[in-house]
Amino acid sequence: MTDDLDPALQVDVLAAALRLDHQDTNDLLEFLAQKLEQSLPQATTVTRGGGLFAKTRPVKEILVRFDDYHYQITREKHGALTAKVLKLVRGVVLKTTQVSVDQWTEDVAQQLVQASQQSAQTREALHKFVLGG
């Protein structure tokens, strides 16, 4: 992201990129997994389903870790998405809050912008996230 963008606009752009109009939850989770793994590989864990010999391995869960918060989005058995925010203190989860998928994407985007303001490496990762690469 360029430094000349207003932080509020950066959040809006990232949130829009996170929740692009994917009608299918499979597409949404796959998109998020690819983008987050590319841009923040050290802070992103993607769990995939399917068996050992399965042709496809759909995304079951994404966990994005920031200092005091972890963001988890999970596909339930019937395809519905469950999004959670985990509050950590000294590495221990003290509170888990279920949120809407839209709120989850907004929160992750906000955390990404804050992280980019502290680190040139994260800023470059966000640039890749939004523009591809």
C-alpha atoms as a PDB file:
ATOM      1  CA  MET A   1       0.000   0.000   0.000  1.00  0.00           C
ATOM      2  CA  THR A   2       1.279   3.433  -0.661  1.00  0.00           C
ATOM      3  CA  ASP A   3       1.994   5.788   2.197  1.00  0.00           C
ATOM      4  CA  ASP A   4      -0.138   8.549   0.671  1.00  0.00           C
ATOM      5  CA  LEU A   5      -3.404   6.667   1.266  1.00  0.00           C
ATOM      6  CA  ASP A   6      -5.445   7.630   4.292  1.00  0.00           C
ATOM      7  CA  PRO A   7      -5.398   4.777   6.887  1.00  0.00           C
ATOM      8  CA  ALA A   8      -9.208   4.556   6.813  1.00  0.00           C
ATOM      9  CA  LEU A   9      -9.108   4.157   3.040  1.00  0.00           C
ATOM     10  CA  GLN A  10      -6.407   1.488   3.370  1.00  0.00           C
ATOM     11  CA  VAL A  11      -8.691  -0.494   5.681  1.00  0.00           C
ATOM     12  CA  ASP A  12     -11.590  -0.156   3.252  1.00  0.00           C
ATOM     13  CA  VAL A  13      -9.465  -1.314   0.307  1.00  0.00           C
ATOM     14  CA  LEU A  14      -8.105  -4.293   2.241  1.00  0.00           C
ATOM     15  CA  ALA A  15     -11.525  -5.285   3.559  1.00  0.00           C
ATOM     16  CA  ALA A  16     -12.932  -5.138   0.036  1.00  0.00           C
ATOM     17  CA  ALA A  17     -10.065  -7.290  -1.220  1.00  0.00           C
ATOM     18  CA  LEU A  18     -10.653  -9.776   1.588  1.00  0.00           C
ATOM     19  CA  ARG A  19     -14.340 -10.224   0.890  1.00  0.00           C
ATOM     20  CA  LEU A  20     -14.485  -9.880  -2.881  1.00  0.00           C
ATOM     21  CA  ASP A  21     -17.865 -10.946  -4.136  1.00  0.00           C
ATOM     22  CA  HIS A  22     -17.305 -14.681  -3.817  1.00  0.00           C
ATOM     23  CA  GLN A  23     -20.702 -16.350  -3.757  1.00  0.00           C
ATOM     24  CA  ASP A  24     -19.354 -19.762  -2.803  1.00  0.00           C
ATOM     25  CA  THR A  25     -17.764 -20.244   0.632  1.00  0.00           C
ATOM     26  CA  ASN A  26     -15.237 -22.600  -0.980  1.00  0.00           C
ATOM     27  CA  ASP A  27     -14.115 -19.805  -3.304  1.00  0.00           C
ATOM     28  CA  LEU A  28     -13.978 -17.278  -0.461  1.00  0.00           C
ATOM     29  CA  LEU A  29     -11.894 -19.481   1.825  1.00  0.00           C
ATOM     30  CA  GLU A  30      -9.582 -20.522  -0.995  1.00  0.00           C
ATOM     31  CA  PHE A  31      -9.100 -16.877  -1.989  1.00  0.00           C
ATOM     32  CA  LEU A  32      -8.392 -15.824   1.597  1.00  0.00           C
ATOM     33  CA  ALA A  33      -6.017 -18.748   2.143  1.00  0.00           C
ATOM     34  CA  GLN A  34      -4.009 -17.953  -0.988  1.00  0.00           C
ATOM     35  CA  LYS A  35      -3.790 -14.229  -0.307  1.00  0.00           C
ATOM     36  CA  LEU A  36      -2.946 -14.537   3.393  1.00  0.00           C
ATOM     37  CA  GLU A  37      -0.402 -17.321   2.860  1.00  0.00           C
ATOM     38  CA  GLN A  38       1.321 -15.245   0.163  1.00  0.00           C
ATOM     39  CA  SER A  39       1.350 -11.988   2.079  1.00  0.00           C
ATOM     40  CA  LEU A  40       1.829 -13.186   5.687  1.00  0.00           C
ATOM     41  CA  PRO A  41       3.151 -16.766   5.606  1.00  0.00           C
ATOM     42  CA  GLN A  42       4.687 -16.546   9.080  1.00  0.00           C
ATOM     43  CA  ALA A  43       1.394 -15.452  10.650  1.00  0.00           C
ATOM     44  CA  THR A  44      -1.076 -17.588   8.692  1.00  0.00           C
ATOM     45  CA  THR A  45      -2.035 -21.230   9.200  1.00  0.00           C
ATOM     46  CA  VAL A  46      -4.336 -22.917   6.693  1.00  0.00           C
ATOM     47  CA  THR A  47      -5.928 -26.291   7.463  1.00  0.00           C
ATOM     48  CA  ARG A  48      -7.244 -28.276   4.523  1.00  0.00           C
ATOM     49  CA  GLY A  49      -9.742 -31.133   4.422  1.00  0.00           C
ATOM     50  CA  GLY A  50      -9.957 -34.153   2.205  1.00  0.00           C
ATOM     51  CA  GLY A  51      -8.343 -37.495   2.681  1.00  0.00           C
ATOM     52  CA  LEU A  52      -4.897 -38.717   1.847  1.00  0.00           C
ATOM     53  CA  PHE A  53      -5.897 -39.648  -1.713  1.00  0.00           C
ATOM     54  CA  ALA A  54      -8.493 -36.917  -2.309  1.00  0.00           C
ATOM     55  CA  LYS A  55      -8.271 -35.018  -5.591  1.00  0.00           C
ATOM     56  CA  THR A  56      -9.260 -31.762  -3.945  1.00  0.00           C
ATOM     57  CA  ARG A  57      -8.255 -30.477  -0.536  1.00  0.00           C
ATOM     58  CA  PRO A  58     -10.668 -27.656   0.319  1.00  0.00           C
ATOM     59  CA  VAL A  59      -9.795 -25.126   3.004  1.00  0.00           C
ATOM     60  CA  LYS A  60     -11.360 -26.034   6.358  1.00  0.00           C
ATOM     61  CA  GLU A  61      -9.862 -23.297   8.524  1.00  0.00           C
ATOM     62  CA  ILE A  62      -7.703 -20.201   8.372  1.00  0.00           C
ATOM     63  CA  LEU A  63      -5.950 -18.772  11.427  1.00  0.00           C
ATOM     64  CA  VAL A  64      -4.219 -15.388  11.191  1.00  0.00           C
ATOM     65  CA  ARG A  65      -2.044 -14.450  14.164  1.00  0.00           C
ATOM     66  CA  PHE A  66      -1.292 -10.919  15.302  1.00  0.00           C
ATOM     67  CA  ASP A  67       0.268  -9.930  18.638  1.00  0.00           C
ATOM     68  CA  ASP A  68      -2.768  -9.829  20.940  1.00  0.00           C
ATOM     69  CA  TYR A  69      -5.447 -11.197  18.607  1.00  0.00           C
ATOM     70  CA  HIS A  70      -5.857 -14.278  16.462  1.00  0.00           C
ATOM     71  CA  TYR A  71      -8.511 -14.413  13.756  1.00  0.00           C
ATOM     72  CA  GLN A  72     -10.028 -17.774  12.871  1.00  0.00           C
ATOM     73  CA  ILE A  73     -12.510 -18.601  10.132  1.00  0.00           C
ATOM     74  CA  THR A  74     -13.812 -22.148   9.807  1.00  0.00           C
ATOM     75  CA  ARG A  75     -16.054 -23.971   7.350  1.00  0.00           C
ATOM     76  CA  GLU A  76     -18.573 -26.079   9.259  1.00  0.00           C
ATOM     77  CA  LYS A  77     -19.759 -29.498   8.042  1.00  0.00           C
ATOM     78  CA  HIS A  78     -22.696 -28.084   6.101  1.00  0.00           C
ATOM     79  CA  GLY A  79     -20.679 -25.345   4.413  1.00  0.00           C
ATOM     80  CA  ALA A  80     -21.524 -22.409   6.680  1.00  0.00           C
ATOM     81  CA  LEU A  81     -18.652 -20.186   7.792  1.00  0.00           C
ATOM     82  CA  THR A  82     -17.902 -19.416  11.430  1.00  0.00           C
ATOM     83  CA  ALA A  83     -15.616 -16.473  12.187  1.00  0.00           C
ATOM     84  CA  LYS A  84     -14.004 -15.900  15.585  1.00  0.00           C
ATOM     85  CA  VAL A  85     -11.688 -13.401  17.226  1.00  0.00           C
ATOM     86  CA  LEU A  86      -9.439 -14.769  19.971  1.00  0.00           C
ATOM     87  CA  LYS A  87      -8.010 -12.317  22.532  1.00  0.00           C
ATOM     88  CA  LEU A  88      -4.630 -13.414  23.901  1.00  0.00           C
ATOM     89  CA  VAL A  89      -2.641 -12.275  26.899  1.00  0.00           C
ATOM     90  CA  ARG A  90       0.875 -13.683  27.231  1.00  0.00           C
ATOM     91  CA  GLY A  91       0.052 -16.412  24.723  1.00  0.00           C
ATOM     92  CA  VAL A  92      -3.088 -17.608  26.533  1.00  0.00           C
ATOM     93  CA  VAL A  93      -6.541 -17.231  24.958  1.00  0.00           C
ATOM     94  CA  LEU A  94      -8.671 -15.316  27.445  1.00  0.00           C
ATOM     95  CA  LYS A  95     -11.698 -14.591  25.290  1.00  0.00           C
ATOM     96  CA  THR A  96     -13.205 -15.979  22.093  1.00  0.00           C
ATOM     97  CA  THR A  97     -15.842 -13.915  20.314  1.00  0.00           C
ATOM     98  CA  GLN A  98     -17.886 -15.135  17.364  1.00  0.00           C
ATOM     99  CA  VAL A  99     -18.337 -12.405  14.742  1.00  0.00           C
ATOM    100  CA  SER A 100     -19.847 -12.112  11.280  1.00  0.00           C
ATOM    101  CA  VAL A 101     -17.644 -12.873   8.266  1.00  0.00           C
ATOM    102  CA  ASP A 102     -17.869  -9.198   7.261  1.00  0.00           C
ATOM    103  CA  GLN A 103     -16.733  -8.090  10.727  1.00  0.00           C
ATOM    104  CA  TRP A 104     -13.910 -10.660  10.608  1.00  0.00           C
ATOM    105  CA  THR A 105     -12.632  -9.302   7.293  1.00  0.00           C
ATOM    106  CA  GLU A 106     -12.869  -5.730   8.565  1.00  0.00           C
ATOM    107  CA  ASP A 107     -10.939  -6.622  11.733  1.00  0.00           C
ATOM    108  CA  VAL A 108      -8.234  -8.516   9.811  1.00  0.00           C
ATOM    109  CA  ALA A 109      -7.872  -5.589   7.399  1.00  0.00           C
ATOM    110  CA  GLN A 110      -7.512  -3.183  10.345  1.00  0.00           C
ATOM    111  CA  GLN A 111      -4.827  -5.391  11.903  1.00  0.00           C
ATOM    112  CA  LEU A 112      -2.986  -5.634   8.573  1.00  0.00           C
ATOM    113  CA  VAL A 113      -2.906  -1.852   8.216  1.00  0.00           C
ATOM    114  CA  GLN A 114      -1.632  -1.441  11.791  1.00  0.00           C
ATOM    115  CA  ALA A 115       1.057  -4.066  11.205  1.00  0.00           C
ATOM    116  CA  SER A 116       2.102  -2.380   7.947  1.00  0.00           C
ATOM    117  CA  GLN A 117       2.637   0.895   9.761  1.00  0.00           C
ATOM    118  CA  GLN A 118       5.177  -0.823  12.025  1.00  0.00           C
ATOM    119  CA  SER A 119       7.057  -2.945   9.492  1.00  0.00           C
ATOM    120  CA  ALA A 120       8.391  -2.390   5.992  1.00  0.00           C
ATOM    121  CA  GLN A 121       8.224  -6.162   5.374  1.00  0.00           C
ATOM    122  CA  THR A 122       4.536  -6.238   6.288  1.00  0.00           C
ATOM    123  CA  ARG A 123       3.916  -3.161   4.149  1.00  0.00           C
ATOM    124  CA  GLU A 124       5.426  -4.994   1.152  1.00  0.00           C
ATOM    125  CA  ALA A 125       3.295  -8.057   1.974  1.00  0.00           C
ATOM    126  CA  LEU A 126       0.150  -5.912   1.941  1.00  0.00           C
ATOM    127  CA  HIS A 127       1.159  -4.461  -1.390  1.00  0.00           C
ATOM    128  CA  LYS A 128       1.368  -8.035  -2.745  1.00  0.00           C
ATOM    129  CA  PHE A 129      -1.969  -8.865  -1.124  1.00  0.00           C
ATOM    130  CA  VAL A 130      -3.880  -6.054  -2.763  1.00  0.00           C
ATOM    131  CA  LEU A 131      -2.107  -5.951  -6.115  1.00  0.00           C
ATOM    132  CA  GLY A 132      -1.123  -9.609  -6.389  1.00  0.00           C
ATOM    133  CA  GLY A 133       2.337 -10.885  -6.984  1.00  0.00           C
END
